[in-house]
Amino acid sequence: LDKSTMFVADMNRIRKIKMRNHYVYTFAGDLSAGNNDGRMSNARFSLIQGMQLNDAGDTLYFSDRYNHRIGRVKFFSPSTVFQSIFERNRAGFIGGAVSLSDLM
């Protein structure tokens, strides 16, 4: 990715903004809330918050608040898909080992 692309959390969607032409694309998700991994057109979220692009610029991490999960999108992979990397079925404030932790 180059510096002319910006990603924005927009409720249940990840939006991609091309700064050169100021065009806004829906990169993943849609207006309806849900909880699906997979191809970006089928991925569903429930209030995306806290996105971060890694230093290499090839992976976008973000939190999906009401699904209590952290996910990632790996760019430049054979098929760009959303993948949950941590998910709990409940909200909580427990820290520590990943297997015991909860997310708000």
PDB file of N, CA and C in Angstrom:
ATOM      1  N   LEU A   1       0.834  -1.186   0.000  1.00  0.00           N
ATOM      2  CA  LEU A   1       0.000   0.000   0.000  1.00  0.00           C
ATOM      3  C   LEU A   1       0.875   1.243   0.000  1.00  0.00           C
ATOM      4  N   ASP A   2       0.371   2.264  -0.638  1.00  0.00           N
ATOM      5  CA  ASP A   2       1.118   3.519  -0.651  1.00  0.00           C
ATOM      6  C   ASP A   2       0.438   4.544   0.258  1.00  0.00           C
ATOM      7  N   LYS A   3       1.053   5.685   0.392  1.00  0.00           N
ATOM      8  CA  LYS A   3       0.542   6.709   1.296  1.00  0.00           C
ATOM      9  C   LYS A   3      -0.678   7.431   0.737  1.00  0.00           C
ATOM     10  N   SER A   4      -1.128   7.055  -0.439  1.00  0.00           N
ATOM     11  CA  SER A   4      -2.306   7.684  -1.020  1.00  0.00           C
ATOM     12  C   SER A   4      -3.588   6.935  -0.672  1.00  0.00           C
ATOM     13  N   THR A   5      -3.495   5.929   0.187  1.00  0.00           N
ATOM     14  CA  THR A   5      -4.655   5.143   0.600  1.00  0.00           C
ATOM     15  C   THR A   5      -4.852   5.272   2.101  1.00  0.00           C
ATOM     16  N   MET A   6      -6.111   5.474   2.512  1.00  0.00           N
ATOM     17  CA  MET A   6      -6.435   5.567   3.929  1.00  0.00           C
ATOM     18  C   MET A   6      -7.614   4.641   4.215  1.00  0.00           C
ATOM     19  N   PHE A   7      -7.579   3.962   5.365  1.00  0.00           N
ATOM     20  CA  PHE A   7      -8.675   3.114   5.797  1.00  0.00           C
ATOM     21  C   PHE A   7      -9.377   3.777   6.972  1.00  0.00           C
ATOM     22  N   VAL A   8     -10.715   3.696   6.973  1.00  0.00           N
ATOM     23  CA  VAL A   8     -11.519   4.346   8.000  1.00  0.00           C
ATOM     24  C   VAL A   8     -12.568   3.362   8.502  1.00  0.00           C
ATOM     25  N   ALA A   9     -12.761   3.317   9.825  1.00  0.00           N
ATOM     26  CA  ALA A   9     -13.842   2.525  10.415  1.00  0.00           C
ATOM     27  C   ALA A   9     -15.132   3.320  10.274  1.00  0.00           C
ATOM     28  N   ASP A  10     -16.160   2.690   9.727  1.00  0.00           N
ATOM     29  CA  ASP A  10     -17.452   3.338   9.503  1.00  0.00           C
ATOM     30  C   ASP A  10     -18.549   2.386   9.966  1.00  0.00           C
ATOM     31  N   MET A  11     -18.815   2.392  11.269  1.00  0.00           N
ATOM     32  CA  MET A  11     -19.790   1.495  11.900  1.00  0.00           C
ATOM     33  C   MET A  11     -19.416   0.026  11.649  1.00  0.00           C
ATOM     34  N   ASN A  12     -20.132  -0.623  10.741  1.00  0.00           N
ATOM     35  CA  ASN A  12     -19.925  -2.046  10.466  1.00  0.00           C
ATOM     36  C   ASN A  12     -19.162  -2.272   9.161  1.00  0.00           C
ATOM     37  N   ARG A  13     -18.501  -1.226   8.694  1.00  0.00           N
ATOM     38  CA  ARG A  13     -17.760  -1.305   7.431  1.00  0.00           C
ATOM     39  C   ARG A  13     -16.338  -0.793   7.613  1.00  0.00           C
ATOM     40  N   ILE A  14     -15.453  -1.297   6.764  1.00  0.00           N
ATOM     41  CA  ILE A  14     -14.127  -0.705   6.610  1.00  0.00           C
ATOM     42  C   ILE A  14     -14.160   0.011   5.273  1.00  0.00           C
ATOM     43  N   ARG A  15     -13.872   1.303   5.306  1.00  0.00           N
ATOM     44  CA  ARG A  15     -13.901   2.107   4.097  1.00  0.00           C
ATOM     45  C   ARG A  15     -12.470   2.403   3.655  1.00  0.00           C
ATOM     46  N   LYS A  16     -12.262   2.411   2.373  1.00  0.00           N
ATOM     47  CA  LYS A  16     -10.955   2.684   1.771  1.00  0.00           C
ATOM     48  C   LYS A  16     -11.080   3.995   1.001  1.00  0.00           C
ATOM     49  N   ILE A  17     -10.221   4.949   1.323  1.00  0.00           N
ATOM     50  CA  ILE A  17     -10.258   6.246   0.660  1.00  0.00           C
ATOM     51  C   ILE A  17      -8.987   6.417  -0.160  1.00  0.00           C
ATOM     52  N   LYS A  18      -9.158   6.646  -1.447  1.00  0.00           N
ATOM     53  CA  LYS A  18      -8.033   6.941  -2.338  1.00  0.00           C
ATOM     54  C   LYS A  18      -7.852   8.456  -2.325  1.00  0.00           C
ATOM     55  N   MET A  19      -6.748   8.899  -1.732  1.00  0.00           N
ATOM     56  CA  MET A  19      -6.525  10.323  -1.521  1.00  0.00           C
ATOM     57  C   MET A  19      -6.314  11.092  -2.828  1.00  0.00           C
ATOM     58  N   ARG A  20      -5.845  10.427  -3.850  1.00  0.00           N
ATOM     59  CA  ARG A  20      -5.584  11.123  -5.126  1.00  0.00           C
ATOM     60  C   ARG A  20      -6.860  11.645  -5.768  1.00  0.00           C
ATOM     61  N   ASN A  21      -7.926  10.813  -5.725  1.00  0.00           N
ATOM     62  CA  ASN A  21      -9.176  11.240  -6.354  1.00  0.00           C
ATOM     63  C   ASN A  21     -10.301  11.446  -5.342  1.00  0.00           C
ATOM     64  N   HIS A  22     -10.003  11.268  -4.051  1.00  0.00           N
ATOM     65  CA  HIS A  22     -10.968  11.429  -2.959  1.00  0.00           C
ATOM     66  C   HIS A  22     -12.174  10.507  -3.124  1.00  0.00           C
ATOM     67  N   TYR A  23     -11.947   9.339  -3.681  1.00  0.00           N
ATOM     68  CA  TYR A  23     -13.021   8.373  -3.866  1.00  0.00           C
ATOM     69  C   TYR A  23     -13.068   7.432  -2.667  1.00  0.00           C
ATOM     70  N   VAL A  24     -14.288   7.144  -2.193  1.00  0.00           N
ATOM     71  CA  VAL A  24     -14.486   6.279  -1.028  1.00  0.00           C
ATOM     72  C   VAL A  24     -15.078   4.954  -1.493  1.00  0.00           C
ATOM     73  N   TYR A  25     -14.411   3.856  -1.141  1.00  0.00           N
ATOM     74  CA  TYR A  25     -14.860   2.508  -1.472  1.00  0.00           C
ATOM     75  C   TYR A  25     -15.268   1.790  -0.191  1.00  0.00           C
ATOM     76  N   THR A  26     -16.240   0.907  -0.275  1.00  0.00           N
ATOM     77  CA  THR A  26     -16.494  -0.011   0.831  1.00  0.00           C
ATOM     78  C   THR A  26     -15.551  -1.182   0.629  1.00  0.00           C
ATOM     79  N   PHE A  27     -14.583  -1.316   1.524  1.00  0.00           N
ATOM     80  CA  PHE A  27     -13.568  -2.358   1.419  1.00  0.00           C
ATOM     81  C   PHE A  27     -14.086  -3.675   1.978  1.00  0.00           C
ATOM     82  N   ALA A  28     -14.832  -3.602   3.094  1.00  0.00           N
ATOM     83  CA  ALA A  28     -15.365  -4.812   3.730  1.00  0.00           C
ATOM     84  C   ALA A  28     -16.588  -4.450   4.555  1.00  0.00           C
ATOM     85  N   GLY A  29     -17.482  -5.430   4.718  1.00  0.00           N
ATOM     86  CA  GLY A  29     -18.673  -5.238   5.528  1.00  0.00           C
ATOM     87  C   GLY A  29     -19.761  -4.493   4.787  1.00  0.00           C
ATOM     88  N   ASP A  30     -20.859  -4.233   5.502  1.00  0.00           N
ATOM     89  CA  ASP A  30     -21.941  -3.417   4.963  1.00  0.00           C
ATOM     90  C   ASP A  30     -22.685  -2.779   6.130  1.00  0.00           C
ATOM     91  N   LEU A  31     -23.830  -2.189   5.876  1.00  0.00           N
ATOM     92  CA  LEU A  31     -24.540  -1.467   6.931  1.00  0.00           C
ATOM     93  C   LEU A  31     -25.101  -2.381   8.017  1.00  0.00           C
ATOM     94  N   SER A  32     -25.381  -3.635   7.675  1.00  0.00           N
ATOM     95  CA  SER A  32     -25.951  -4.549   8.668  1.00  0.00           C
ATOM     96  C   SER A  32     -24.854  -5.183   9.516  1.00  0.00           C
ATOM     97  N   ALA A  33     -25.140  -5.336  10.798  1.00  0.00           N
ATOM     98  CA  ALA A  33     -24.190  -5.972  11.718  1.00  0.00           C
ATOM     99  C   ALA A  33     -24.208  -7.480  11.514  1.00  0.00           C
ATOM    100  N   GLY A  34     -23.091  -8.127  11.805  1.00  0.00           N
ATOM    101  CA  GLY A  34     -23.001  -9.573  11.697  1.00  0.00           C
ATOM    102  C   GLY A  34     -21.676 -10.061  12.229  1.00  0.00           C
ATOM    103  N   ASN A  35     -21.397 -11.339  12.012  1.00  0.00           N
ATOM    104  CA  ASN A  35     -20.177 -11.947  12.531  1.00  0.00           C
ATOM    105  C   ASN A  35     -19.709 -13.029  11.562  1.00  0.00           C
ATOM    106  N   ASN A  36     -19.128 -12.612  10.441  1.00  0.00           N
ATOM    107  CA  ASN A  36     -18.638 -13.553   9.433  1.00  0.00           C
ATOM    108  C   ASN A  36     -17.188 -13.271   9.082  1.00  0.00           C
ATOM    109  N   ASP A  37     -16.380 -14.310   9.003  1.00  0.00           N
ATOM    110  CA  ASP A  37     -15.044 -14.235   8.426  1.00  0.00           C
ATOM    111  C   ASP A  37     -15.184 -14.509   6.932  1.00  0.00           C
ATOM    112  N   GLY A  38     -14.104 -14.364   6.205  1.00  0.00           N
ATOM    113  CA  GLY A  38     -14.094 -14.770   4.806  1.00  0.00           C
ATOM    114  C   GLY A  38     -13.793 -13.632   3.861  1.00  0.00           C
ATOM    115  N   ARG A  39     -14.229 -13.814   2.611  1.00  0.00           N
ATOM    116  CA  ARG A  39     -13.988 -12.812   1.575  1.00  0.00           C
ATOM    117  C   ARG A  39     -14.537 -11.465   2.025  1.00  0.00           C
ATOM    118  N   MET A  40     -13.890 -10.402   1.608  1.00  0.00           N
ATOM    119  CA  MET A  40     -14.245  -9.071   2.092  1.00  0.00           C
ATOM    120  C   MET A  40     -15.695  -8.712   1.801  1.00  0.00           C
ATOM    121  N   SER A  41     -16.254  -9.165   0.683  1.00  0.00           N
ATOM    122  CA  SER A  41     -17.645  -8.861   0.349  1.00  0.00           C
ATOM    123  C   SER A  41     -18.625  -9.584   1.265  1.00  0.00           C
ATOM    124  N   ASN A  42     -18.196 -10.679   1.897  1.00  0.00           N
ATOM    125  CA  ASN A  42     -19.061 -11.446   2.800  1.00  0.00           C
ATOM    126  C   ASN A  42     -18.772 -11.191   4.269  1.00  0.00           C
ATOM    127  N   ALA A  43     -17.687 -10.512   4.577  1.00  0.00           N
ATOM    128  CA  ALA A  43     -17.310 -10.266   5.976  1.00  0.00           C
ATOM    129  C   ALA A  43     -18.344  -9.359   6.637  1.00  0.00           C
ATOM    130  N   ARG A  44     -18.662  -9.658   7.893  1.00  0.00           N
ATOM    131  CA  ARG A  44     -19.613  -8.848   8.653  1.00  0.00           C
ATOM    132  C   ARG A  44     -19.014  -8.526  10.007  1.00  0.00           C
ATOM    133  N   PHE A  45     -19.295  -7.315  10.472  1.00  0.00           N
ATOM    134  CA  PHE A  45     -18.741  -6.803  11.721  1.00  0.00           C
ATOM    135  C   PHE A  45     -19.856  -6.150  12.530  1.00  0.00           C
ATOM    136  N   SER A  46     -19.538  -5.846  13.774  1.00  0.00           N
ATOM    137  CA  SER A  46     -20.489  -5.156  14.639  1.00  0.00           C
ATOM    138  C   SER A  46     -19.745  -4.077  15.427  1.00  0.00           C
ATOM    139  N   LEU A  47     -19.600  -2.936  14.827  1.00  0.00           N
ATOM    140  CA  LEU A  47     -18.941  -1.731  15.332  1.00  0.00           C
ATOM    141  C   LEU A  47     -17.422  -1.876  15.365  1.00  0.00           C
ATOM    142  N   ILE A  48     -16.818  -1.578  14.237  1.00  0.00           N
ATOM    143  CA  ILE A  48     -15.360  -1.614  14.109  1.00  0.00           C
ATOM    144  C   ILE A  48     -14.759  -0.415  14.832  1.00  0.00           C
ATOM    145  N   GLN A  49     -13.701  -0.683  15.595  1.00  0.00           N
ATOM    146  CA  GLN A  49     -12.974   0.367  16.305  1.00  0.00           C
ATOM    147  C   GLN A  49     -11.492   0.028  16.295  1.00  0.00           C
ATOM    148  N   GLY A  50     -10.645   1.017  16.437  1.00  0.00           N
ATOM    149  CA  GLY A  50      -9.220   0.808  16.652  1.00  0.00           C
ATOM    150  C   GLY A  50      -8.486   0.054  15.572  1.00  0.00           C
ATOM    151  N   MET A  51      -8.315   0.652  14.403  1.00  0.00           N
ATOM    152  CA  MET A  51      -7.578  -0.003  13.324  1.00  0.00           C
ATOM    153  C   MET A  51      -6.107   0.390  13.355  1.00  0.00           C
ATOM    154  N   GLN A  52      -5.243  -0.547  12.907  1.00  0.00           N
ATOM    155  CA  GLN A  52      -3.797  -0.296  12.860  1.00  0.00           C
ATOM    156  C   GLN A  52      -3.195  -1.075  11.700  1.00  0.00           C
ATOM    157  N   LEU A  53      -2.455  -0.400  10.851  1.00  0.00           N
ATOM    158  CA  LEU A  53      -1.717  -1.041   9.772  1.00  0.00           C
ATOM    159  C   LEU A  53      -0.334  -1.391  10.295  1.00  0.00           C
ATOM    160  N   ASN A  54       0.153  -2.598  10.014  1.00  0.00           N
ATOM    161  CA  ASN A  54       1.490  -2.968  10.498  1.00  0.00           C
ATOM    162  C   ASN A  54       2.571  -2.185   9.757  1.00  0.00           C
ATOM    163  N   ASP A  55       3.803  -2.243  10.261  1.00  0.00           N
ATOM    164  CA  ASP A  55       4.909  -1.465   9.690  1.00  0.00           C
ATOM    165  C   ASP A  55       5.197  -1.816   8.234  1.00  0.00           C
ATOM    166  N   ALA A  56       5.011  -3.072   7.868  1.00  0.00           N
ATOM    167  CA  ALA A  56       5.266  -3.495   6.489  1.00  0.00           C
ATOM    168  C   ALA A  56       4.164  -3.024   5.536  1.00  0.00           C
ATOM    169  N   GLY A  57       3.019  -2.621   6.078  1.00  0.00           N
ATOM    170  CA  GLY A  57       1.912  -2.154   5.252  1.00  0.00           C
ATOM    171  C   GLY A  57       1.160  -3.257   4.554  1.00  0.00           C
ATOM    172  N   ASP A  58       1.293  -4.505   5.041  1.00  0.00           N
ATOM    173  CA  ASP A  58       0.613  -5.609   4.373  1.00  0.00           C
ATOM    174  C   ASP A  58      -0.490  -6.255   5.207  1.00  0.00           C
ATOM    175  N   THR A  59      -0.709  -5.780   6.434  1.00  0.00           N
ATOM    176  CA  THR A  59      -1.753  -6.353   7.286  1.00  0.00           C
ATOM    177  C   THR A  59      -2.441  -5.245   8.077  1.00  0.00           C
ATOM    178  N   LEU A  60      -3.771  -5.243   8.046  1.00  0.00           N
ATOM    179  CA  LEU A  60      -4.582  -4.294   8.795  1.00  0.00           C
ATOM    180  C   LEU A  60      -5.238  -5.042   9.952  1.00  0.00           C
ATOM    181  N   TYR A  61      -5.007  -4.571  11.176  1.00  0.00           N
ATOM    182  CA  TYR A  61      -5.612  -5.157  12.374  1.00  0.00           C
ATOM    183  C   TYR A  61      -6.693  -4.216  12.883  1.00  0.00           C
ATOM    184  N   PHE A  62      -7.755  -4.771  13.480  1.00  0.00           N
ATOM    185  CA  PHE A  62      -8.800  -3.924  14.045  1.00  0.00           C
ATOM    186  C   PHE A  62      -9.632  -4.699  15.053  1.00  0.00           C
ATOM    187  N   SER A  63     -10.333  -3.949  15.884  1.00  0.00           N
ATOM    188  CA  SER A  63     -11.219  -4.577  16.863  1.00  0.00           C
ATOM    189  C   SER A  63     -12.656  -4.472  16.371  1.00  0.00           C
ATOM    190  N   ASP A  64     -13.416  -5.500  16.652  1.00  0.00           N
ATOM    191  CA  ASP A  64     -14.828  -5.606  16.297  1.00  0.00           C
ATOM    192  C   ASP A  64     -15.574  -5.654  17.631  1.00  0.00           C
ATOM    193  N   ARG A  65     -15.991  -4.498  18.112  1.00  0.00           N
ATOM    194  CA  ARG A  65     -16.412  -4.339  19.505  1.00  0.00           C
ATOM    195  C   ARG A  65     -17.503  -5.300  19.965  1.00  0.00           C
ATOM    196  N   TYR A  66     -18.643  -5.310  19.314  1.00  0.00           N
ATOM    197  CA  TYR A  66     -19.764  -6.096  19.839  1.00  0.00           C
ATOM    198  C   TYR A  66     -19.671  -7.578  19.503  1.00  0.00           C
ATOM    199  N   ASN A  67     -18.728  -7.962  18.662  1.00  0.00           N
ATOM    200  CA  ASN A  67     -18.440  -9.383  18.460  1.00  0.00           C
ATOM    201  C   ASN A  67     -17.294  -9.834  19.357  1.00  0.00           C
ATOM    202  N   HIS A  68     -16.720  -8.906  20.108  1.00  0.00           N
ATOM    203  CA  HIS A  68     -15.648  -9.205  21.068  1.00  0.00           C
ATOM    204  C   HIS A  68     -14.512  -9.980  20.390  1.00  0.00           C
ATOM    205  N   ARG A  69     -14.030  -9.411  19.284  1.00  0.00           N
ATOM    206  CA  ARG A  69     -12.964 -10.079  18.543  1.00  0.00           C
ATOM    207  C   ARG A  69     -11.979  -9.074  17.966  1.00  0.00           C
ATOM    208  N   ILE A  70     -10.799  -9.571  17.670  1.00  0.00           N
ATOM    209  CA  ILE A  70      -9.770  -8.828  16.955  1.00  0.00           C
ATOM    210  C   ILE A  70      -9.553  -9.561  15.644  1.00  0.00           C
ATOM    211  N   GLY A  71      -9.500  -8.805  14.571  1.00  0.00           N
ATOM    212  CA  GLY A  71      -9.342  -9.431  13.267  1.00  0.00           C
ATOM    213  C   GLY A  71      -8.223  -8.808  12.474  1.00  0.00           C
ATOM    214  N   ARG A  72      -7.950  -9.424  11.346  1.00  0.00           N
ATOM    215  CA  ARG A  72      -6.919  -8.892  10.459  1.00  0.00           C
ATOM    216  C   ARG A  72      -7.292  -9.157   9.006  1.00  0.00           C
ATOM    217  N   VAL A  73      -6.739  -8.317   8.167  1.00  0.00           N
ATOM    218  CA  VAL A  73      -6.820  -8.485   6.724  1.00  0.00           C
ATOM    219  C   VAL A  73      -5.393  -8.457   6.217  1.00  0.00           C
ATOM    220  N   LYS A  74      -4.978  -9.526   5.549  1.00  0.00           N
ATOM    221  CA  LYS A  74      -3.641  -9.573   4.952  1.00  0.00           C
ATOM    222  C   LYS A  74      -3.770  -9.191   3.484  1.00  0.00           C
ATOM    223  N   PHE A  75      -3.131  -8.086   3.129  1.00  0.00           N
ATOM    224  CA  PHE A  75      -3.116  -7.658   1.739  1.00  0.00           C
ATOM    225  C   PHE A  75      -2.064  -8.478   0.995  1.00  0.00           C
ATOM    226  N   PHE A  76      -2.197  -8.556  -0.297  1.00  0.00           N
ATOM    227  CA  PHE A  76      -1.227  -9.227  -1.172  1.00  0.00           C
ATOM    228  C   PHE A  76      -1.168 -10.739  -0.951  1.00  0.00           C
ATOM    229  N   SER A  77      -2.134 -11.306  -0.236  1.00  0.00           N
ATOM    230  CA  SER A  77      -2.204 -12.764  -0.129  1.00  0.00           C
ATOM    231  C   SER A  77      -2.985 -13.254  -1.349  1.00  0.00           C
ATOM    232  N   PRO A  78      -2.956 -14.567  -1.639  1.00  0.00           N
ATOM    233  CA  PRO A  78      -3.653 -15.056  -2.834  1.00  0.00           C
ATOM    234  C   PRO A  78      -5.110 -14.595  -2.906  1.00  0.00           C
ATOM    235  N   SER A  79      -5.785 -14.547  -1.765  1.00  0.00           N
ATOM    236  CA  SER A  79      -7.136 -13.992  -1.727  1.00  0.00           C
ATOM    237  C   SER A  79      -7.239 -13.147  -0.460  1.00  0.00           C
ATOM    238  N   THR A  80      -7.544 -11.882  -0.621  1.00  0.00           N
ATOM    239  CA  THR A  80      -7.642 -10.991   0.528  1.00  0.00           C
ATOM    240  C   THR A  80      -8.912 -11.330   1.291  1.00  0.00           C
ATOM    241  N   VAL A  81      -8.750 -11.855   2.501  1.00  0.00           N
ATOM    242  CA  VAL A  81      -9.897 -12.247   3.315  1.00  0.00           C
ATOM    243  C   VAL A  81      -9.738 -11.699   4.728  1.00  0.00           C
ATOM    244  N   PHE A  82     -10.884 -11.554   5.406  1.00  0.00           N
ATOM    245  CA  PHE A  82     -10.874 -11.185   6.809  1.00  0.00           C
ATOM    246  C   PHE A  82     -10.753 -12.457   7.634  1.00  0.00           C
ATOM    247  N   GLN A  83      -9.947 -12.407   8.681  1.00  0.00           N
ATOM    248  CA  GLN A  83      -9.748 -13.559   9.555  1.00  0.00           C
ATOM    249  C   GLN A  83      -9.760 -13.090  11.004  1.00  0.00           C
ATOM    250  N   SER A  84     -10.605 -13.723  11.828  1.00  0.00           N
ATOM    251  CA  SER A  84     -10.575 -13.453  13.268  1.00  0.00           C
ATOM    252  C   SER A  84      -9.310 -14.066  13.834  1.00  0.00           C
ATOM    253  N   ILE A  85      -8.579 -13.316  14.658  1.00  0.00           N
ATOM    254  CA  ILE A  85      -7.390 -13.883  15.287  1.00  0.00           C
ATOM    255  C   ILE A  85      -7.582 -14.033  16.791  1.00  0.00           C
ATOM    256  N   PHE A  86      -8.630 -13.418  17.332  1.00  0.00           N
ATOM    257  CA  PHE A  86      -8.989 -13.593  18.742  1.00  0.00           C
ATOM    258  C   PHE A  86     -10.464 -13.276  18.857  1.00  0.00           C
ATOM    259  N   GLU A  87     -11.232 -14.186  19.466  1.00  0.00           N
ATOM    260  CA  GLU A  87     -12.673 -13.966  19.596  1.00  0.00           C
ATOM    261  C   GLU A  87     -13.183 -14.615  20.870  1.00  0.00           C
ATOM    262  N   ARG A  88     -14.052 -13.887  21.562  1.00  0.00           N
ATOM    263  CA  ARG A  88     -14.731 -14.408  22.749  1.00  0.00           C
ATOM    264  C   ARG A  88     -16.224 -14.212  22.547  1.00  0.00           C
ATOM    265  N   ASN A  89     -17.026 -15.070  23.120  1.00  0.00           N
ATOM    266  CA  ASN A  89     -18.477 -14.953  22.996  1.00  0.00           C
ATOM    267  C   ASN A  89     -19.085 -14.105  24.095  1.00  0.00           C
ATOM    268  N   ARG A  90     -18.248 -13.422  24.846  1.00  0.00           N
ATOM    269  CA  ARG A  90     -18.755 -12.601  25.944  1.00  0.00           C
ATOM    270  C   ARG A  90     -17.846 -11.389  26.128  1.00  0.00           C
ATOM    271  N   ALA A  91     -18.418 -10.362  26.743  1.00  0.00           N
ATOM    272  CA  ALA A  91     -17.634  -9.169  27.074  1.00  0.00           C
ATOM    273  C   ALA A  91     -17.031  -9.344  28.451  1.00  0.00           C
ATOM    274  N   GLY A  92     -15.919  -8.678  28.709  1.00  0.00           N
ATOM    275  CA  GLY A  92     -15.313  -8.758  30.026  1.00  0.00           C
ATOM    276  C   GLY A  92     -14.059  -7.926  30.112  1.00  0.00           C
ATOM    277  N   PHE A  93     -13.442  -7.970  31.272  1.00  0.00           N
ATOM    278  CA  PHE A  93     -12.245  -7.176  31.542  1.00  0.00           C
ATOM    279  C   PHE A  93     -11.093  -8.037  32.032  1.00  0.00           C
ATOM    280  N   ILE A  94     -11.098  -9.318  31.737  1.00  0.00           N
ATOM    281  CA  ILE A  94     -10.070 -10.220  32.241  1.00  0.00           C
ATOM    282  C   ILE A  94      -8.840 -10.136  31.348  1.00  0.00           C
ATOM    283  N   GLY A  95      -7.672  -9.878  31.946  1.00  0.00           N
ATOM    284  CA  GLY A  95      -6.413  -9.861  31.213  1.00  0.00           C
ATOM    285  C   GLY A  95      -5.662 -11.151  31.456  1.00  0.00           C
ATOM    286  N   GLY A  96      -4.437 -11.220  30.989  1.00  0.00           N
ATOM    287  CA  GLY A  96      -3.602 -12.394  31.220  1.00  0.00           C
ATOM    288  C   GLY A  96      -3.432 -13.216  29.968  1.00  0.00           C
ATOM    289  N   ALA A  97      -3.323 -14.522  30.155  1.00  0.00           N
ATOM    290  CA  ALA A  97      -3.128 -15.440  29.032  1.00  0.00           C
ATOM    291  C   ALA A  97      -4.281 -15.309  28.039  1.00  0.00           C
ATOM    292  N   VAL A  98      -3.973 -15.408  26.752  1.00  0.00           N
ATOM    293  CA  VAL A  98      -4.984 -15.250  25.712  1.00  0.00           C
ATOM    294  C   VAL A  98      -6.160 -16.191  25.928  1.00  0.00           C
ATOM    295  N   SER A  99      -5.902 -17.422  26.316  1.00  0.00           N
ATOM    296  CA  SER A  99      -6.981 -18.394  26.489  1.00  0.00           C
ATOM    297  C   SER A  99      -7.940 -18.018  27.611  1.00  0.00           C
ATOM    298  N   LEU A 100      -7.527 -17.134  28.519  1.00  0.00           N
ATOM    299  CA  LEU A 100      -8.366 -16.731  29.647  1.00  0.00           C
ATOM    300  C   LEU A 100      -8.890 -15.306  29.527  1.00  0.00           C
ATOM    301  N   SER A 101      -8.411 -14.551  28.564  1.00  0.00           N
ATOM    302  CA  SER A 101      -8.733 -13.127  28.462  1.00  0.00           C
ATOM    303  C   SER A 101     -10.110 -12.885  27.871  1.00  0.00           C
ATOM    304  N   ASP A 102     -10.675 -11.744  28.226  1.00  0.00           N
ATOM    305  CA  ASP A 102     -11.936 -11.279  27.659  1.00  0.00           C
ATOM    306  C   ASP A 102     -11.709  -9.908  27.046  1.00  0.00           C
ATOM    307  N   LEU A 103     -12.570  -9.549  26.113  1.00  0.00           N
ATOM    308  CA  LEU A 103     -12.543  -8.228  25.487  1.00  0.00           C
ATOM    309  C   LEU A 103     -13.852  -7.533  25.767  1.00  0.00           C
ATOM    310  N   MET A 104     -13.786  -6.247  25.888  1.00  0.00           N
ATOM    311  CA  MET A 104     -15.001  -5.477  26.118  1.00  0.00           C
ATOM    312  C   MET A 104     -15.784  -5.365  24.871  1.00  0.00           C
TER     313      MET A 104
END
